[in-house]
Amino acid sequence: MPALALDYANPSWGLPEYDELPPEIEVIEPMGDPCHFRFYPSKDFAGGHVEICGLADGFLVHVADVTHDQPNQLSMLAPDILRVRIASDGDGEYVTARGDRIDLKGAGSAIVIEPAGMSPAKVVFADRSRSATVYIHRSTLQSLYGDRVHELPAALQAFITGSLRHTVAQRLPLNASLLRCLEDLQGCDLDGHSRRLFIRSKATEILCHAFKAMAQDEDLGTIDASAQMTRGVIKAQQLLTESFVAPPSLDDLARDVGLSRSSLCAGFRQIVGQTVFDYIGDLRMRQALSMLNEREASITQIAYAVGYSHPSSFSLAVQRRFGTTPSELRRRGLPHI
């Protein structure tokens, strides 16, 4: 198929007007606002969906869970737009007009800062892409920071002031904060205007974390997780989500994801911001809160269902987390976790 050019020079972000849908799109689903919709690729092109949320103040957010049947090449032009991409899965690359490359394979995050007047970049996506991308126009970024532009990394300062003369494209450390933002966007169950407000808040949060990571990356003393470690930790999270009731041992988990035990533990602390055991505890508490809210199972049944061998151990874990007993928690209402 021919390359698709994306031009965001005028950030109106509206739903495209098609006399006939292009062959790569099967269905467009409106989501309550002209600038908020979801499209489903045609079966010959890819599987999954992409949600596009355009916000009136210069933000655009793509949330994608797409599996490409074959490599998909795009020609992308985004003058005066900054982009931050976070992915837990993916394959491909981004190549600027002057030849700078970003490897988009596996879990990772990246930033692209494109001043006006650049030639289109080439982007290739392959396999599964589970990602979120935030776009923000230069004028919007300038208004957000006002007289605090000096707090930003040098490349961002140059972009805002109009003195940046080439596209900046670089990978960023995938830290726990960025990864949580991606999971929050992928798992959002809100609708209508509440969903748009939530997406906007996450877009702002992603930018702030990305700018901090960019500044830290400029420090030669910053040590990022290796790509292998990052992929292993992401895989471990997925395995634990499926098996938190009876999780594997640390040694077995490390072997299953291709890491040593020490690398797995270090990677969890660096990327997720928790130990493996704390992460399992969070998964158990989320499930327990859901079951408490449904009010169908007894406290003892819930304890066993989420992986505790004794109801007293479950009660103690809830007491430590929420400062009250499971029964009292059910009675007075449940917190968010």
Protein backbone atom coordinates (compact mmCIF):
# COMPACT_ATOMS: atom_id res chain seq x y z
CA MET A 1 0.00 0.00 0.00
CA PRO A 2 1.20 3.57 -0.55
CA ALA A 3 2.75 5.51 2.32
CA LEU A 4 0.30 7.52 4.42
CA ALA A 5 1.26 11.14 5.09
CA LEU A 6 0.13 12.57 8.42
CA ASP A 7 0.20 16.36 8.55
CA TYR A 8 -0.50 17.93 11.94
CA ALA A 9 0.57 21.45 11.02
CA ASN A 10 -2.90 22.74 11.91
CA PRO A 11 -3.94 21.04 15.15
CA SER A 12 -7.69 20.95 14.55
CA TRP A 13 -7.63 17.16 15.10
CA GLY A 14 -11.14 16.61 13.70
CA LEU A 15 -12.58 13.33 12.46
CA PRO A 16 -11.48 12.98 8.82
CA GLU A 17 -14.21 13.48 6.25
CA TYR A 18 -14.22 10.56 3.83
CA ASP A 19 -16.53 10.12 0.87
CA GLU A 20 -15.36 6.52 1.09
CA LEU A 21 -13.23 4.93 3.77
CA PRO A 22 -9.64 4.21 2.67
CA PRO A 23 -8.84 0.51 2.21
CA GLU A 24 -6.81 0.28 5.42
CA ILE A 25 -9.80 1.32 7.63
CA GLU A 26 -12.76 -1.00 8.20
CA VAL A 27 -14.86 1.05 10.65
CA ILE A 28 -14.71 4.47 12.32
CA GLU A 29 -16.51 4.65 15.66
CA PRO A 30 -17.37 8.17 16.97
CA MET A 31 -16.84 8.59 20.71
CA GLY A 32 -19.02 11.57 21.55
CA ASP A 33 -16.94 14.42 20.16
CA PRO A 34 -15.93 15.31 16.56
CA CYS A 35 -12.27 15.05 17.61
CA HIS A 36 -12.61 11.78 19.50
CA PHE A 37 -13.05 8.52 17.65
CA ARG A 38 -11.75 5.00 17.32
CA PHE A 39 -10.91 3.26 14.08
CA TYR A 40 -10.60 -0.43 13.33
CA PRO A 41 -8.19 -1.43 10.55
CA SER A 42 -9.38 -3.64 7.74
CA LYS A 43 -8.64 -7.33 8.22
CA ASP A 44 -6.22 -7.30 5.30
CA PHE A 45 -4.23 -4.52 6.96
CA ALA A 46 -4.12 -5.21 10.72
CA GLY A 47 -6.13 -6.35 13.72
CA GLY A 48 -7.14 -4.35 16.79
CA HIS A 49 -7.98 -0.67 17.08
CA VAL A 50 -6.59 2.84 17.50
CA GLU A 51 -8.30 5.46 19.64
CA ILE A 52 -7.65 9.07 18.62
CA CYS A 53 -8.53 11.84 21.05
CA GLY A 54 -7.95 15.41 19.89
CA LEU A 55 -8.18 18.12 22.52
CA ALA A 56 -9.01 21.73 21.79
CA ASP A 57 -5.92 23.10 23.52
CA GLY A 58 -3.39 21.51 21.17
CA PHE A 59 -3.09 17.95 22.48
CA LEU A 60 -3.63 14.85 20.39
CA VAL A 61 -3.45 11.36 21.91
CA HIS A 62 -3.29 8.01 20.10
CA VAL A 63 -3.92 4.86 22.14
CA ALA A 64 -3.24 1.79 20.02
CA ASP A 65 -3.47 -1.96 20.37
CA VAL A 66 -2.85 -3.15 16.83
CA THR A 67 -1.30 -6.25 15.32
CA HIS A 68 0.10 -5.71 11.83
CA ASP A 69 -0.11 -8.65 9.46
CA GLN A 70 2.83 -7.23 7.53
CA PRO A 71 5.21 -4.27 8.00
CA ASN A 72 3.34 -0.97 7.63
CA GLN A 73 5.33 2.00 6.31
CA LEU A 74 4.19 5.57 6.87
CA SER A 75 5.54 8.90 5.74
CA MET A 76 5.03 11.22 8.68
CA LEU A 77 5.13 15.00 8.68
CA ALA A 78 4.37 16.84 11.92
CA PRO A 79 5.74 20.42 11.79
CA ASP A 80 5.99 22.22 15.12
CA ILE A 81 4.77 19.11 16.96
CA LEU A 82 6.41 17.26 19.82
CA ARG A 83 5.60 13.57 20.24
CA VAL A 84 6.14 11.17 23.12
CA ARG A 85 5.51 7.47 22.51
CA ILE A 86 5.29 4.77 25.18
CA ALA A 87 5.00 1.10 24.24
CA SER A 88 4.88 -2.19 26.10
CA ASP A 89 5.00 -4.14 22.83
CA GLY A 90 5.99 -3.31 19.30
CA ASP A 91 8.46 -3.59 16.47
CA GLY A 92 9.67 -1.14 13.88
CA GLU A 93 11.72 2.02 13.52
CA TYR A 94 11.50 5.76 13.02
CA VAL A 95 13.96 7.44 10.63
CA THR A 96 14.24 11.21 10.27
CA ALA A 97 14.95 12.85 6.92
CA ARG A 98 18.62 13.24 7.86
CA GLY A 99 18.96 9.60 8.86
CA ASP A 100 18.61 9.63 12.67
CA ARG A 101 16.94 6.40 13.77
CA ILE A 102 14.88 5.23 16.73
CA ASP A 103 14.50 1.51 17.26
CA LEU A 104 10.85 0.86 18.19
CA LYS A 105 11.33 -2.81 19.04
CA GLY A 106 9.84 -4.11 22.27
CA ALA A 107 8.96 -2.07 25.32
CA GLY A 108 10.29 1.47 25.38
CA SER A 109 9.61 5.17 25.17
CA ALA A 110 10.79 7.83 22.75
CA ILE A 111 10.50 11.53 22.05
CA VAL A 112 10.44 13.27 18.66
CA ILE A 113 10.69 17.06 18.43
CA GLU A 114 10.02 18.32 14.92
CA PRO A 115 10.38 22.01 14.04
CA ALA A 116 8.64 23.43 10.98
CA GLY A 117 10.27 23.03 7.55
CA MET A 118 11.50 19.46 7.92
CA SER A 119 11.12 16.77 5.28
CA PRO A 120 8.87 13.80 6.11
CA ALA A 121 10.23 11.04 8.31
CA LYS A 122 9.80 7.34 7.56
CA VAL A 123 8.08 5.13 10.10
CA VAL A 124 7.69 1.36 9.95
CA PHE A 125 5.51 -0.65 12.32
CA ALA A 126 5.36 -4.45 12.45
CA ASP A 127 3.83 -7.17 14.61
CA ARG A 128 1.87 -6.06 17.67
CA SER A 129 1.92 -2.43 18.74
CA ARG A 130 0.52 -1.68 22.19
CA SER A 131 1.29 1.95 22.72
CA ALA A 132 0.19 5.48 23.57
CA THR A 133 1.47 8.57 21.77
CA VAL A 134 0.99 12.16 22.90
CA TYR A 135 1.28 14.98 20.36
CA ILE A 136 1.48 18.61 21.45
CA HIS A 137 1.84 21.72 19.33
CA ARG A 138 4.76 24.06 20.03
CA SER A 139 2.48 26.98 20.90
CA THR A 140 0.60 24.86 23.43
CA LEU A 141 3.82 23.69 25.05
CA GLN A 142 4.97 27.30 25.25
CA SER A 143 1.73 28.35 26.95
CA LEU A 144 1.98 25.48 29.44
CA TYR A 145 5.43 26.54 30.64
CA GLY A 146 5.19 30.32 30.22
CA ASP A 147 8.16 31.97 31.91
CA ARG A 148 9.43 28.59 33.22
CA VAL A 149 10.77 27.39 29.87
CA HIS A 150 14.30 27.54 31.31
CA GLU A 151 13.43 24.52 33.49
CA LEU A 152 13.20 22.28 30.42
CA PRO A 153 16.04 20.37 28.68
CA ALA A 154 17.99 22.39 26.13
CA ALA A 155 16.38 20.81 23.05
CA LEU A 156 12.91 21.68 24.33
CA GLN A 157 13.94 25.24 25.07
CA ALA A 158 15.26 25.58 21.52
CA PHE A 159 12.04 24.09 20.12
CA ILE A 160 9.81 26.49 22.05
CA THR A 161 11.86 29.56 21.14
CA GLY A 162 11.98 28.56 17.46
CA SER A 163 15.75 28.10 17.31
CA LEU A 164 15.72 24.32 16.80
CA ARG A 165 16.94 23.63 13.24
CA HIS A 166 16.59 19.85 12.95
CA THR A 167 14.37 17.05 14.20
CA VAL A 168 15.38 15.57 17.55
CA ALA A 169 14.53 11.88 17.87
CA GLN A 170 15.72 9.76 20.78
CA ARG A 171 14.71 6.88 22.99
CA LEU A 172 14.05 7.65 26.63
CA PRO A 173 14.38 5.47 29.73
CA LEU A 174 11.12 3.57 30.22
CA ASN A 175 10.51 4.34 33.87
CA ALA A 176 7.72 3.14 36.13
CA SER A 177 5.75 6.38 35.87
CA LEU A 178 5.56 6.28 32.07
CA LEU A 179 4.63 2.61 32.11
CA ARG A 180 1.80 3.23 34.57
CA CYS A 181 0.45 6.01 32.33
CA LEU A 182 0.30 3.60 29.42
CA GLU A 183 -1.55 1.00 31.48
CA ASP A 184 -3.97 3.65 32.76
CA LEU A 185 -4.79 4.75 29.20
CA GLN A 186 -5.12 1.19 27.92
CA GLY A 187 -7.38 0.24 30.83
CA CYS A 188 -9.57 3.36 31.08
CA ASP A 189 -13.25 2.43 31.44
CA LEU A 190 -14.70 5.96 31.38
CA ASP A 191 -16.95 7.30 28.63
CA GLY A 192 -17.86 10.64 27.09
CA HIS A 193 -16.40 13.86 28.44
CA SER A 194 -15.03 12.15 31.54
CA ARG A 195 -12.90 9.97 29.28
CA ARG A 196 -11.58 13.02 27.44
CA LEU A 197 -10.68 14.73 30.73
CA PHE A 198 -8.91 11.59 31.90
CA ILE A 199 -6.94 11.29 28.65
CA ARG A 200 -5.92 14.96 28.86
CA SER A 201 -4.66 14.51 32.42
CA LYS A 202 -2.61 11.48 31.36
CA ALA A 203 -1.23 13.34 28.33
CA THR A 204 0.06 16.09 30.61
CA GLU A 205 1.48 13.53 33.04
CA ILE A 206 3.26 11.68 30.22
CA LEU A 207 4.89 14.90 29.01
CA CYS A 208 6.12 15.79 32.49
CA HIS A 209 7.63 12.33 33.08
CA ALA A 210 9.15 12.27 29.59
CA PHE A 211 10.77 15.68 30.05
CA LYS A 212 12.21 14.55 33.37
CA ALA A 213 13.55 11.36 31.76
CA MET A 214 15.03 13.42 28.93
CA ALA A 215 16.82 15.67 31.40
CA GLN A 216 18.16 12.68 33.34
CA ASP A 217 19.30 11.02 30.13
CA GLU A 218 21.49 14.04 29.45
CA ASP A 219 23.38 13.19 32.63
CA LEU A 220 26.07 10.67 31.73
CA GLY A 221 25.71 9.12 35.15
CA THR A 222 22.17 7.95 34.46
CA ILE A 223 21.92 4.17 34.00
CA ASP A 224 18.91 2.88 32.03
CA ALA A 225 17.59 -0.67 32.05
CA SER A 226 18.80 -2.77 29.17
CA ALA A 227 16.33 -3.66 26.43
CA GLN A 228 16.53 -7.32 27.47
CA MET A 229 15.77 -6.46 31.09
CA THR A 230 12.85 -4.25 30.07
CA ARG A 231 11.32 -6.95 27.89
CA GLY A 232 11.78 -9.48 30.69
CA VAL A 233 10.07 -7.29 33.27
CA ILE A 234 7.13 -6.57 30.95
CA LYS A 235 6.73 -10.29 30.29
CA ALA A 236 6.95 -11.01 34.03
CA GLN A 237 4.16 -8.50 34.69
CA GLN A 238 1.98 -10.24 32.13
CA LEU A 239 2.69 -13.68 33.62
CA LEU A 240 1.95 -12.48 37.16
CA THR A 241 -1.31 -10.85 36.06
CA GLU A 242 -2.40 -14.31 34.92
CA SER A 243 -1.05 -16.25 37.93
CA PHE A 244 -1.04 -13.95 40.98
CA VAL A 245 -3.27 -16.36 42.94
CA ALA A 246 -0.51 -19.01 42.79
CA PRO A 247 2.52 -17.17 41.41
CA PRO A 248 5.72 -18.94 40.37
CA SER A 249 8.80 -18.69 42.53
CA LEU A 250 11.28 -15.91 41.77
CA ASP A 251 13.68 -18.43 40.28
CA ASP A 252 10.99 -19.93 38.03
CA LEU A 253 9.67 -16.51 37.00
CA ALA A 254 13.16 -15.29 36.16
CA ARG A 255 13.83 -18.39 34.07
CA ASP A 256 10.49 -18.04 32.23
CA VAL A 257 11.29 -14.45 31.17
CA GLY A 258 14.94 -15.04 30.33
CA LEU A 259 16.56 -13.10 33.21
CA SER A 260 18.62 -13.97 36.23
CA ARG A 261 16.87 -13.66 39.58
CA SER A 262 18.94 -10.59 40.51
CA SER A 263 18.24 -8.89 37.14
CA LEU A 264 14.51 -9.56 37.49
CA CYS A 265 14.41 -8.05 40.98
CA ALA A 266 16.54 -5.05 40.01
CA GLY A 267 14.48 -4.51 36.85
CA PHE A 268 11.21 -4.54 38.77
CA ARG A 269 12.47 -1.92 41.19
CA GLN A 270 13.79 0.28 38.37
CA ILE A 271 11.00 -0.09 35.79
CA VAL A 272 7.89 -0.84 37.86
CA GLY A 273 8.95 0.96 41.03
CA GLN A 274 8.06 -2.02 43.25
CA THR A 275 9.42 -5.36 44.30
CA VAL A 276 7.97 -8.47 42.66
CA PHE A 277 6.20 -9.36 45.91
CA ASP A 278 4.67 -5.89 46.26
CA TYR A 279 3.44 -6.13 42.68
CA ILE A 280 1.77 -9.47 43.42
CA GLY A 281 0.23 -7.90 46.52
CA ASP A 282 -1.24 -5.08 44.43
CA LEU A 283 -2.76 -7.55 41.98
CA ARG A 284 -4.31 -9.49 44.84
CA MET A 285 -5.69 -6.36 46.48
CA ARG A 286 -7.27 -5.16 43.23
CA GLN A 287 -9.06 -8.47 42.82
CA ALA A 288 -10.05 -8.53 46.49
CA LEU A 289 -11.55 -5.04 46.27
CA SER A 290 -13.54 -6.04 43.22
CA MET A 291 -14.92 -9.08 45.01
CA LEU A 292 -15.69 -7.09 48.15
CA ASN A 293 -17.60 -4.62 46.03
CA GLU A 294 -19.67 -7.39 44.43
CA ARG A 295 -20.73 -8.52 47.95
CA GLU A 296 -21.41 -12.08 46.84
CA ALA A 297 -18.47 -13.93 48.41
CA SER A 298 -17.60 -14.15 52.09
CA ILE A 299 -14.36 -12.71 53.44
CA THR A 300 -12.96 -16.23 53.80
CA GLN A 301 -13.88 -17.10 50.21
CA ILE A 302 -12.23 -13.93 48.94
CA ALA A 303 -9.06 -14.66 50.92
CA TYR A 304 -8.65 -18.06 49.28
CA ALA A 305 -9.73 -16.78 45.85
CA VAL A 306 -6.96 -14.16 45.69
CA GLY A 307 -4.17 -16.43 46.88
CA TYR A 308 -4.00 -16.29 50.69
CA SER A 309 -3.72 -19.67 52.42
CA HIS A 310 -5.30 -18.36 55.64
CA PRO A 311 -8.09 -15.78 56.05
CA SER A 312 -6.11 -14.22 58.89
CA SER A 313 -3.20 -13.52 56.51
CA PHE A 314 -5.61 -11.82 54.12
CA SER A 315 -7.11 -9.70 56.91
CA LEU A 316 -3.65 -8.66 58.05
CA ALA A 317 -2.66 -7.69 54.49
CA VAL A 318 -5.82 -5.57 54.12
CA GLN A 319 -5.23 -3.98 57.54
CA ARG A 320 -1.69 -3.01 56.57
CA ARG A 321 -2.80 -1.62 53.19
CA PHE A 322 -6.00 0.23 54.13
CA GLY A 323 -5.87 0.59 57.92
CA THR A 324 -9.05 -1.36 58.49
CA THR A 325 -10.54 -4.86 58.28
CA PRO A 326 -12.06 -6.36 55.13
CA SER A 327 -15.53 -6.32 56.72
CA GLU A 328 -15.27 -2.66 57.68
CA LEU A 329 -13.85 -1.83 54.26
CA ARG A 330 -16.85 -3.49 52.61
CA ARG A 331 -19.26 -1.67 54.93
CA ARG A 332 -17.96 1.86 54.49
CA GLY A 333 -17.09 1.80 50.80
CA LEU A 334 -14.07 0.84 48.79
CA PRO A 335 -11.05 2.97 47.89
CA HIS A 336 -9.48 3.04 44.46
CA ILE A 337 -6.20 1.23 44.02
